[in-house]
Amino acid sequence: QVQLVESGGGLVQAGGSLRLSCAASGSIFARYSMGWYRQAPGKQRELVAIITRGSITDYGGSVKGRFTISRDNAKNTVYLQMNSLKPEDTGVYYCNAGLYSRPGPYWGQGTQVTVSS
């Protein structure tokens, strides 16, 4: 079992930056692939970024070059640095963890990101 708690969401103007954090507990963090997904109103949840236990990263097409995912295994935390934010980045951002599947079975409660134009 893995418990995930996100933080760092908020309201920002277009062009601004935010950094999301996801603190994990309950299992061996370093074994898990970690991901960020987001869901905008009326839309399906979509992949934002993933980082494997070997620190290989992958990004959704709309965020490549603007967002960076990273992890600190000593702190059991995964981060999402979001730069050059756009109004279409607005949504609830969820942290995700899994050993084998993508997405994995463990989800945080979500944190709201709102980008104003």
C-alpha atoms as a PDB file:
ATOM      1  CA  GLN A   1       0.000   0.000   0.000  1.00  0.00           C
ATOM      2  CA  VAL A   2       1.115   3.522  -0.821  1.00  0.00           C
ATOM      3  CA  GLN A   3      -0.389   6.743   0.492  1.00  0.00           C
ATOM      4  CA  LEU A   4       0.118   9.862  -1.608  1.00  0.00           C
ATOM      5  CA  VAL A   5      -0.411  13.489  -0.589  1.00  0.00           C
ATOM      6  CA  GLU A   6      -0.092  16.285  -3.140  1.00  0.00           C
ATOM      7  CA  SER A   7       0.636  19.932  -2.416  1.00  0.00           C
ATOM      8  CA  GLY A   8       1.636  23.096  -4.245  1.00  0.00           C
ATOM      9  CA  GLY A   9      -1.398  23.817  -6.383  1.00  0.00           C
ATOM     10  CA  GLY A  10      -2.935  27.243  -6.653  1.00  0.00           C
ATOM     11  CA  LEU A  11      -3.857  30.148  -8.888  1.00  0.00           C
ATOM     12  CA  VAL A  12      -1.258  31.575 -11.241  1.00  0.00           C
ATOM     13  CA  GLN A  13      -1.267  33.878 -14.249  1.00  0.00           C
ATOM     14  CA  ALA A  14      -0.447  32.600 -17.704  1.00  0.00           C
ATOM     15  CA  GLY A  15       3.297  32.437 -18.195  1.00  0.00           C
ATOM     16  CA  GLY A  16       3.914  31.798 -14.522  1.00  0.00           C
ATOM     17  CA  SER A  17       5.306  28.786 -12.694  1.00  0.00           C
ATOM     18  CA  LEU A  18       4.259  26.364  -9.978  1.00  0.00           C
ATOM     19  CA  ARG A  19       5.931  23.390  -8.359  1.00  0.00           C
ATOM     20  CA  LEU A  20       3.817  20.484  -7.204  1.00  0.00           C
ATOM     21  CA  SER A  21       5.002  17.988  -4.613  1.00  0.00           C
ATOM     22  CA  CYS A  22       3.751  14.526  -3.804  1.00  0.00           C
ATOM     23  CA  ALA A  23       4.827  12.905  -0.555  1.00  0.00           C
ATOM     24  CA  ALA A  24       4.567   9.118  -0.413  1.00  0.00           C
ATOM     25  CA  SER A  25       4.408   6.806   2.560  1.00  0.00           C
ATOM     26  CA  GLY A  26       3.619   3.223   3.368  1.00  0.00           C
ATOM     27  CA  SER A  27       5.986   1.312   1.135  1.00  0.00           C
ATOM     28  CA  ILE A  28       9.418   1.402  -0.457  1.00  0.00           C
ATOM     29  CA  PHE A  29       9.181   4.572  -2.539  1.00  0.00           C
ATOM     30  CA  ALA A  30      12.249   3.880  -4.652  1.00  0.00           C
ATOM     31  CA  ARG A  31      10.634   0.757  -6.133  1.00  0.00           C
ATOM     32  CA  TYR A  32       7.734   2.643  -7.674  1.00  0.00           C
ATOM     33  CA  SER A  33       7.230   4.467 -10.921  1.00  0.00           C
ATOM     34  CA  MET A  34       5.629   7.806 -10.093  1.00  0.00           C
ATOM     35  CA  GLY A  35       3.426   9.916 -12.268  1.00  0.00           C
ATOM     36  CA  TRP A  36       1.367  13.056 -12.520  1.00  0.00           C
ATOM     37  CA  TYR A  37      -2.003  13.083 -14.256  1.00  0.00           C
ATOM     38  CA  ARG A  38      -4.502  15.870 -14.612  1.00  0.00           C
ATOM     39  CA  GLN A  39      -8.194  16.216 -15.242  1.00  0.00           C
ATOM     40  CA  ALA A  40      -9.871  19.320 -16.581  1.00  0.00           C
ATOM     41  CA  PRO A  41     -13.624  19.912 -16.170  1.00  0.00           C
ATOM     42  CA  GLY A  42     -15.560  17.773 -18.617  1.00  0.00           C
ATOM     43  CA  LYS A  43     -12.458  15.953 -19.843  1.00  0.00           C
ATOM     44  CA  GLN A  44     -10.832  12.626 -19.203  1.00  0.00           C
ATOM     45  CA  ARG A  45      -7.840  12.263 -16.932  1.00  0.00           C
ATOM     46  CA  GLU A  46      -4.635  12.504 -18.959  1.00  0.00           C
ATOM     47  CA  LEU A  47      -0.965  11.789 -18.469  1.00  0.00           C
ATOM     48  CA  VAL A  48       1.230  14.752 -17.599  1.00  0.00           C
ATOM     49  CA  ALA A  49       4.542  13.104 -16.707  1.00  0.00           C
ATOM     50  CA  ILE A  50       6.042   9.871 -15.459  1.00  0.00           C
ATOM     51  CA  ILE A  51       9.353   9.014 -13.827  1.00  0.00           C
ATOM     52  CA  THR A  52      10.392   5.389 -13.446  1.00  0.00           C
ATOM     53  CA  ARG A  53      12.315   3.941 -10.531  1.00  0.00           C
ATOM     54  CA  GLY A  54      15.386   4.292 -12.766  1.00  0.00           C
ATOM     55  CA  SER A  55      14.564   8.009 -13.263  1.00  0.00           C
ATOM     56  CA  ILE A  56      13.591   7.640 -16.906  1.00  0.00           C
ATOM     57  CA  THR A  57      11.028  10.295 -17.722  1.00  0.00           C
ATOM     58  CA  ASP A  58       8.168  10.619 -20.176  1.00  0.00           C
ATOM     59  CA  TYR A  59       5.776  13.494 -20.797  1.00  0.00           C
ATOM     60  CA  GLY A  60       2.419  14.174 -22.320  1.00  0.00           C
ATOM     61  CA  GLY A  61       2.770  15.986 -25.624  1.00  0.00           C
ATOM     62  CA  SER A  62       1.233  19.253 -24.502  1.00  0.00           C
ATOM     63  CA  VAL A  63       3.684  19.785 -21.621  1.00  0.00           C
ATOM     64  CA  LYS A  64       6.980  18.721 -23.189  1.00  0.00           C
ATOM     65  CA  GLY A  65       9.599  21.415 -22.807  1.00  0.00           C
ATOM     66  CA  ARG A  66       7.605  23.247 -20.133  1.00  0.00           C
ATOM     67  CA  PHE A  67       7.202  20.739 -17.291  1.00  0.00           C
ATOM     68  CA  THR A  68       9.862  18.704 -15.496  1.00  0.00           C
ATOM     69  CA  ILE A  69       9.257  15.710 -13.261  1.00  0.00           C
ATOM     70  CA  SER A  70      11.839  14.671 -10.685  1.00  0.00           C
ATOM     71  CA  ARG A  71      12.074  12.497  -7.610  1.00  0.00           C
ATOM     72  CA  ASP A  72      13.972  12.494  -4.334  1.00  0.00           C
ATOM     73  CA  ASN A  73      14.040   8.968  -2.983  1.00  0.00           C
ATOM     74  CA  ALA A  74      15.594  10.108   0.297  1.00  0.00           C
ATOM     75  CA  LYS A  75      12.510  12.279   0.925  1.00  0.00           C
ATOM     76  CA  ASN A  76       9.953   9.886  -0.619  1.00  0.00           C
ATOM     77  CA  THR A  77       8.788  12.757  -2.780  1.00  0.00           C
ATOM     78  CA  VAL A  78       8.129  13.386  -6.451  1.00  0.00           C
ATOM     79  CA  TYR A  79       7.968  16.884  -7.900  1.00  0.00           C
ATOM     80  CA  LEU A  80       6.454  18.510 -10.954  1.00  0.00           C
ATOM     81  CA  GLN A  81       7.996  21.823 -11.967  1.00  0.00           C
ATOM     82  CA  MET A  82       5.587  23.630 -14.261  1.00  0.00           C
ATOM     83  CA  ASN A  83       6.834  26.625 -16.259  1.00  0.00           C
ATOM     84  CA  SER A  84       5.254  28.794 -18.940  1.00  0.00           C
ATOM     85  CA  LEU A  85       1.826  27.820 -17.710  1.00  0.00           C
ATOM     86  CA  LYS A  86      -1.149  28.208 -20.022  1.00  0.00           C
ATOM     87  CA  PRO A  87      -4.872  28.448 -19.249  1.00  0.00           C
ATOM     88  CA  GLU A  88      -5.308  25.001 -20.798  1.00  0.00           C
ATOM     89  CA  ASP A  89      -3.085  23.582 -18.031  1.00  0.00           C
ATOM     90  CA  THR A  90      -5.922  24.246 -15.594  1.00  0.00           C
ATOM     91  CA  GLY A  91      -7.236  21.167 -13.822  1.00  0.00           C
ATOM     92  CA  VAL A  92      -6.889  18.886 -10.854  1.00  0.00           C
ATOM     93  CA  TYR A  93      -3.450  17.299 -10.740  1.00  0.00           C
ATOM     94  CA  TYR A  94      -3.160  13.821  -9.292  1.00  0.00           C
ATOM     95  CA  CYS A  95      -0.094  11.967  -8.115  1.00  0.00           C
ATOM     96  CA  ASN A  96       0.086   8.298  -9.061  1.00  0.00           C
ATOM     97  CA  ALA A  97       2.261   5.344  -8.074  1.00  0.00           C
ATOM     98  CA  GLY A  98       2.645   1.853  -9.439  1.00  0.00           C
ATOM     99  CA  LEU A  99       5.064  -1.011  -9.768  1.00  0.00           C
ATOM    100  CA  TYR A 100       4.077  -2.467 -13.130  1.00  0.00           C
ATOM    101  CA  SER A 101       1.072  -0.741 -14.682  1.00  0.00           C
ATOM    102  CA  ARG A 102       0.643   2.743 -16.104  1.00  0.00           C
ATOM    103  CA  PRO A 103      -1.131   4.331 -14.416  1.00  0.00           C
ATOM    104  CA  GLY A 104      -0.479   2.469 -11.209  1.00  0.00           C
ATOM    105  CA  PRO A 105      -3.170   1.600  -8.676  1.00  0.00           C
ATOM    106  CA  TYR A 106      -2.386   4.297  -6.109  1.00  0.00           C
ATOM    107  CA  TRP A 107      -3.730   7.851  -6.345  1.00  0.00           C
ATOM    108  CA  GLY A 108      -3.497  10.981  -4.271  1.00  0.00           C
ATOM    109  CA  GLN A 109      -6.479  13.195  -3.531  1.00  0.00           C
ATOM    110  CA  GLY A 110      -5.491  15.777  -6.149  1.00  0.00           C
ATOM    111  CA  THR A 111      -4.484  19.423  -6.052  1.00  0.00           C
ATOM    112  CA  GLN A 112      -6.145  22.185  -8.053  1.00  0.00           C
ATOM    113  CA  VAL A 113      -4.115  24.231 -10.527  1.00  0.00           C
ATOM    114  CA  THR A 114      -5.795  27.242 -12.093  1.00  0.00           C
ATOM    115  CA  VAL A 115      -4.078  29.338 -14.747  1.00  0.00           C
ATOM    116  CA  SER A 116      -5.702  32.648 -15.540  1.00  0.00           C
ATOM    117  CA  SER A 117      -5.331  34.387 -18.874  1.00  0.00           C
END
